[in-house]
Protein backbone atom coordinates (compact mmCIF):
# COMPACT_ATOMS: atom_id res chain seq x y z
CA MET A 1 39.18 225.54 -48.82
CA ILE A 2 37.94 226.26 -52.67
CA LYS A 3 38.87 229.66 -52.71
CA SER A 4 42.60 228.45 -51.61
CA LEU A 5 42.55 225.48 -54.02
CA ARG A 6 41.21 228.37 -56.39
CA PHE A 7 44.30 230.30 -55.59
CA VAL A 8 47.38 227.66 -56.16
CA PHE A 9 45.97 226.23 -59.63
CA LEU A 10 45.95 229.89 -60.35
CA ALA A 11 48.74 230.99 -59.33
CA LEU A 12 50.50 227.98 -60.83
CA PHE A 13 48.90 228.49 -64.35
CA VAL A 14 50.37 231.33 -64.10
CA ALA A 15 54.08 230.25 -63.06
CA LEU A 16 53.94 227.82 -66.19
CA GLN A 17 53.58 230.76 -68.33
CA PHE A 18 56.67 231.56 -67.36
CA VAL A 19 58.67 227.97 -66.54
CA ALA A 20 60.40 228.05 -69.88
CA TYR A 21 62.86 230.79 -68.55
CA GLY A 22 63.12 229.64 -64.88
CA GLN A 23 66.88 230.31 -63.65
CA PRO A 24 68.59 229.77 -60.69
CA ALA A 25 68.20 232.62 -58.24
CA GLU A 26 72.26 233.21 -57.52
CA ARG A 27 73.28 235.17 -60.12
CA LEU A 28 76.58 237.16 -60.78
CA ILE A 29 74.85 239.32 -63.81
CA GLN A 30 70.96 240.22 -63.15
CA VAL A 31 69.13 241.56 -66.02
CA GLN A 32 66.24 243.97 -65.11
CA VAL A 33 63.11 244.35 -66.94
CA THR A 34 60.47 246.48 -66.14
CA PRO A 35 57.44 248.54 -68.18
CA ASP A 36 57.21 252.14 -68.82
CA HIS A 37 53.92 252.25 -66.61
CA THR A 38 53.94 251.26 -63.42
CA ASN A 39 50.42 248.83 -62.93
CA TRP A 40 52.06 246.13 -65.98
CA LEU A 41 48.76 247.10 -68.04
CA TYR A 42 47.88 248.52 -71.03
CA LYS A 43 44.93 249.19 -72.90
CA PRO A 44 44.86 247.96 -76.53
CA GLY A 45 46.48 250.10 -78.91
CA GLU A 46 49.05 252.44 -76.24
CA LYS A 47 51.95 251.78 -77.32
CA VAL A 48 55.26 250.39 -74.49
CA LYS A 49 58.15 250.75 -74.11
CA PHE A 50 60.47 248.06 -72.11
CA LYS A 51 63.57 249.79 -69.85
CA VAL A 52 66.71 247.74 -69.73
CA ALA A 53 69.76 248.05 -67.22
CA VAL A 54 71.88 245.38 -66.80
CA LEU A 55 73.71 245.02 -62.44
CA LYS A 56 77.13 243.55 -61.95
CA CYS A 57 76.87 242.20 -58.36
CA ASN A 58 74.68 245.43 -57.72
CA ILE A 59 76.25 247.61 -59.86
CA PRO A 60 75.26 248.97 -61.93
CA GLN A 61 76.62 248.58 -65.53
CA ASP A 62 76.86 250.22 -68.64
CA ASN A 63 78.73 249.82 -72.61
CA LEU A 64 76.61 246.54 -72.23
CA GLU A 65 75.07 244.13 -75.78
CA VAL A 66 71.88 243.81 -75.25
CA ARG A 67 70.27 241.58 -77.58
CA TYR A 68 65.90 241.17 -77.21
CA GLU A 69 63.08 239.73 -78.02
CA ILE A 70 59.57 240.73 -78.22
CA SER A 71 56.33 238.79 -78.96
CA GLU A 72 53.10 237.58 -77.52
CA ASP A 73 53.26 235.83 -74.64
CA MET A 74 54.52 231.85 -75.15
CA MET A 75 54.63 233.02 -79.23
CA LYS A 76 57.83 233.17 -81.31
CA PRO A 77 59.20 236.96 -81.43
CA HIS A 78 57.96 238.76 -83.96
CA GLN A 79 60.67 242.05 -82.92
CA THR A 80 63.49 240.74 -82.79
CA GLY A 81 67.40 243.28 -82.43
CA LYS A 82 70.96 244.40 -80.08
CA GLN A 83 71.15 247.32 -78.77
CA SER A 84 73.83 249.00 -76.23
CA LEU A 85 73.10 250.33 -72.81
CA LYS A 86 73.97 253.83 -73.13
CA ASN A 87 74.44 255.97 -69.77
CA GLU A 88 73.99 252.79 -67.95
CA LYS A 89 70.34 252.05 -69.59
CA LEU A 90 68.18 250.96 -72.66
CA GLU A 91 64.66 251.65 -73.65
CA ILE A 92 63.11 249.42 -76.63
CA ASN A 93 59.86 250.37 -78.27
CA ALA A 94 57.99 247.26 -78.55
CA GLY A 95 54.88 248.26 -79.88
CA THR A 96 51.17 247.42 -79.06
CA MET A 97 48.74 244.93 -79.67
CA LYS A 98 45.11 245.44 -81.18
CA LYS A 99 43.51 243.27 -78.77
CA GLU A 100 43.58 241.93 -75.01
CA GLY A 101 46.47 239.69 -74.45
CA PHE A 102 50.00 240.15 -73.40
CA LEU A 103 52.91 241.60 -74.40
CA ARG A 104 56.51 240.21 -73.63
CA CYS A 105 60.07 241.11 -73.81
CA ARG A 106 63.39 239.05 -72.80
CA ALA A 107 66.50 240.91 -72.89
CA PHE A 108 69.75 238.83 -72.93
CA VAL A 109 73.39 239.73 -71.87
CA ASN A 110 76.13 237.58 -72.46
CA TYR A 111 78.75 237.93 -69.77
CA GLN A 112 82.36 236.18 -69.79
CA GLY A 113 80.63 233.47 -71.86
CA ARG A 114 77.89 232.41 -69.99
CA GLU A 115 74.45 234.23 -71.76
CA TYR A 116 72.08 235.43 -68.67
CA GLU A 117 68.36 236.28 -69.18
CA GLY A 118 65.66 239.17 -68.22
CA VAL A 119 62.05 239.03 -68.90
CA ALA A 120 58.99 241.50 -68.14
CA THR A 121 55.09 240.47 -70.10
CA VAL A 122 52.85 243.37 -69.81
CA GLY A 123 49.00 243.02 -70.42
CA PHE A 124 45.90 244.43 -72.40
CA ASP A 125 43.27 244.11 -71.43
CA PRO A 126 42.95 240.53 -69.77
CA GLU A 127 39.88 240.45 -67.79
CA LYS A 128 38.45 240.75 -70.99
CA LEU A 129 40.67 237.29 -71.95
CA GLN A 130 38.79 234.72 -73.11
CA PRO A 131 38.89 230.64 -72.95
CA VAL A 132 40.05 229.39 -75.99
CA THR A 133 39.07 226.38 -76.21
CA PRO A 134 36.63 223.94 -73.43
CA LEU A 135 37.31 221.86 -70.46
CA PRO A 136 37.79 218.13 -71.25
CA ALA A 137 34.20 216.72 -70.28
CA ASP A 138 35.56 214.65 -67.26
CA PHE A 139 38.15 217.84 -65.93
CA LEU A 140 35.78 218.38 -62.85
CA GLU A 141 36.20 214.44 -62.05
CA PHE A 142 40.31 213.97 -62.60
CA TRP A 143 41.38 215.96 -60.23
CA LYS A 144 38.73 214.98 -57.86
CA THR A 145 39.79 211.78 -58.11
CA THR A 146 43.67 212.63 -58.41
CA LYS A 147 42.99 214.79 -54.84
CA GLU A 148 41.38 212.07 -53.08
CA SER A 149 43.97 209.66 -54.60
CA ALA A 150 47.08 212.00 -53.10
CA GLU A 151 45.01 212.07 -49.74
CA LYS A 152 45.25 208.85 -48.62
CA TRP A 153 48.70 209.16 -47.59
CA ALA A 154 49.45 210.34 -44.33
CA LEU A 155 50.90 214.00 -44.38
CA GLU A 156 53.51 212.38 -41.55
CA PRO A 157 54.91 215.75 -41.79
CA ILE A 158 58.97 216.49 -39.75
CA MET A 159 59.41 220.33 -39.27
CA THR A 160 63.18 220.85 -38.39
CA LEU A 161 63.91 224.62 -36.39
CA LEU A 162 66.98 226.29 -38.10
CA PRO A 163 68.03 228.71 -36.13
CA GLU A 164 70.01 230.88 -37.77
CA LYS A 165 66.95 231.87 -39.84
CA CYS A 166 64.85 232.58 -36.64
CA THR A 167 64.53 236.06 -35.64
CA ASP A 168 63.03 237.99 -32.07
CA LYS A 169 59.32 236.82 -33.49
CA VAL A 170 59.11 234.03 -35.32
CA ASN A 171 60.50 230.61 -35.77
CA VAL A 172 61.97 229.37 -39.08
CA TYR A 173 61.95 225.77 -40.07
CA HIS A 174 61.86 223.40 -42.55
CA VAL A 175 59.59 221.39 -43.83
CA SER A 176 58.54 217.98 -45.43
CA PHE A 177 55.51 216.55 -45.74
CA ALA A 178 54.14 213.49 -48.10
CA ASN A 179 52.71 214.56 -51.41
CA ASN A 180 50.69 211.79 -53.89
CA ASP A 181 52.75 208.68 -54.27
CA TYR A 182 54.90 206.54 -52.42
CA ALA A 183 58.31 207.94 -50.68
CA SER A 184 57.51 211.75 -52.48
CA ARG A 185 57.21 215.19 -50.93
CA MET A 186 57.00 218.28 -50.86
CA TYR A 187 59.47 220.47 -49.17
CA GLY A 188 59.93 224.00 -48.35
CA ILE A 189 60.35 226.87 -45.54
CA LEU A 190 57.39 227.25 -43.07
CA CYS A 191 57.90 230.85 -40.40
CA VAL A 192 55.53 231.39 -37.38
CA PRO A 193 55.11 233.69 -35.34
CA LYS A 194 56.22 233.30 -31.63
CA ALA A 195 53.90 235.20 -29.51
CA PRO A 196 51.12 232.48 -28.17
CA GLY A 197 47.35 233.48 -30.46
CA LYS A 198 46.08 231.85 -34.39
CA TYR A 199 47.26 233.66 -36.98
CA PRO A 200 45.75 233.49 -40.64
CA ALA A 201 48.01 231.77 -43.42
CA ILE A 202 49.83 232.26 -46.84
CA LEU A 203 50.83 229.87 -48.87
CA LYS A 204 53.56 230.97 -50.96
CA VAL A 205 53.84 229.08 -54.29
CA PRO A 206 57.03 229.34 -56.62
CA GLY A 207 57.79 230.79 -60.28
CA ALA A 208 60.63 228.50 -62.16
CA GLY A 209 63.33 227.44 -61.79
CA ILE A 210 65.43 225.38 -58.93
CA ARG A 211 66.83 226.83 -56.35
CA ALA A 212 67.03 226.61 -52.14
CA TYR A 213 64.32 229.64 -50.59
CA ASN A 214 64.74 231.25 -47.98
CA GLY A 215 61.74 231.81 -45.65
CA GLU A 216 59.88 235.06 -44.81
CA ALA A 217 60.46 235.51 -42.09
CA GLU A 218 59.71 239.37 -41.65
CA ARG A 219 56.75 239.36 -43.11
CA ALA A 220 55.67 236.63 -40.41
CA GLY A 221 56.65 238.82 -37.81
CA LYS A 222 53.79 240.70 -39.07
CA GLY A 223 51.05 237.83 -37.53
CA PHE A 224 50.88 235.41 -40.65
CA ILE A 225 51.55 232.28 -40.76
CA ILE A 226 53.89 231.82 -44.35
CA LEU A 227 54.62 228.92 -45.90
CA GLU A 228 57.25 228.98 -48.87
CA ILE A 229 57.39 225.93 -51.19
CA GLY A 230 59.50 224.13 -53.58
CA ILE A 231 57.99 222.01 -56.48
CA HIS A 232 60.49 219.13 -56.72
CA GLY A 233 60.45 217.20 -53.95
CA ILE A 234 63.98 218.42 -53.18
CA PRO A 235 65.31 219.86 -49.62
CA VAL A 236 65.09 224.42 -49.55
CA ASN A 237 68.21 224.65 -48.36
CA LEU A 238 70.94 222.86 -49.96
CA THR A 239 73.32 225.10 -51.10
CA GLY A 240 73.76 226.58 -54.55
CA ASP A 241 75.06 224.77 -57.17
CA VAL A 242 73.44 221.83 -56.17
CA TYR A 243 70.27 223.77 -58.05
CA HIS A 244 72.46 224.59 -60.90
CA ARG A 245 73.86 220.94 -60.82
CA LEU A 246 69.91 219.50 -61.19
CA TYR A 247 68.42 222.34 -63.84
CA ASN A 248 71.41 222.24 -66.15
CA GLY A 249 70.82 218.02 -65.60
CA ALA A 250 68.48 215.90 -64.37
CA LEU A 251 65.86 218.19 -64.35
CA LYS A 252 66.75 220.03 -67.77
CA ASN A 253 63.59 220.85 -68.70
CA TYR A 254 61.10 219.68 -66.31
CA HIS A 255 58.61 221.86 -67.39
CA SER A 256 57.61 219.34 -70.95
CA PHE A 257 58.59 215.48 -68.99
CA ASN A 258 55.45 213.21 -70.14
CA MET A 259 53.42 216.34 -70.70
CA ASP A 260 52.07 213.65 -73.03
CA ASN A 261 50.29 211.41 -71.04
CA ARG A 262 48.22 213.50 -67.83
CA ASP A 263 49.10 211.03 -65.05
CA LYS A 264 52.54 211.53 -65.90
CA TYR A 265 53.11 214.77 -66.55
CA TYR A 266 55.59 216.65 -63.97
CA TYR A 267 52.85 218.83 -62.79
CA LYS A 268 50.55 216.82 -62.00
CA ARG A 269 52.31 215.98 -58.55
CA VAL A 270 53.12 220.01 -58.11
CA TYR A 271 49.59 220.50 -58.03
CA THR A 272 48.92 217.74 -55.75
CA GLY A 273 51.51 218.78 -53.41
CA CYS A 274 50.68 223.02 -53.08
CA VAL A 275 46.99 221.03 -52.67
CA ARG A 276 49.31 218.96 -49.74
CA ALA A 277 50.10 222.18 -48.30
CA ILE A 278 47.16 223.76 -47.32
CA ASP A 279 46.55 220.27 -45.81
CA PHE A 280 49.54 220.67 -43.40
CA ILE A 281 48.42 224.06 -43.19
CA TYR A 282 45.42 223.72 -41.30
CA THR A 283 47.30 221.01 -39.10
CA LEU A 284 49.26 223.76 -37.31
CA PRO A 285 47.81 224.18 -33.96
CA GLU A 286 48.76 227.95 -34.89
CA PHE A 287 47.00 228.56 -37.92
CA ASN A 288 43.25 230.42 -37.38
CA GLY A 289 41.29 228.70 -39.97
CA ASN A 290 42.31 232.06 -42.57
């Protein structure tokens, strides 16, 4: 359980770094940004080149203007520019970093009055990064109390089989279970191998944004229970327009809701929801404990 919890918090920390740039999953235009190192890692002083491609309905586009910003992680951009795609691609010289950290490229394309965005972030000796602020004195006690408070609510899981998503090897369910307060629930897609036996489980936490999820039936067919969760306390099998309206309406800028209050901050229920997801996995008869 301890290792699982560590993974959950690390994954959510990484997701939070990208949260400001989340977009609905279904997009007419895709802006792809990739670095010139396949492992996305660099040594201080090494120069980085980002490659940009723009796809419309998965078809590469040409002659579109791309606006880009280069920044160190979440800092203000220190380099901006505009270039046009030539021969369906664009290469951006992003410079380098002289110390460990992260360098980010954001690329934007306007099409039919709407702006589309792609993001890529590379690391410079990230394993050498050190904390820049000490933990609050009551950090561990706060989360211990928070988790214990959430666990007082019975999970009351609901599992609905999705026949149209099932395969010959895997059953696929839309699931929900209690989180940390009255009527607060987490939702996700659960894939379970059909063959009798016990299986290891994977908890898949999302990146930023508000969208539907399909689960991972193909990978589950190789012998894994896979639970893919959303974080917003809403079903994850609705139509795309619902999430688009929430993203631009009631949940716009959700990542900063109550940021000045640790007990009301939006991500508090997200973290507890991930812990409850682990608890839910442990209730599955097909789970082997790994």
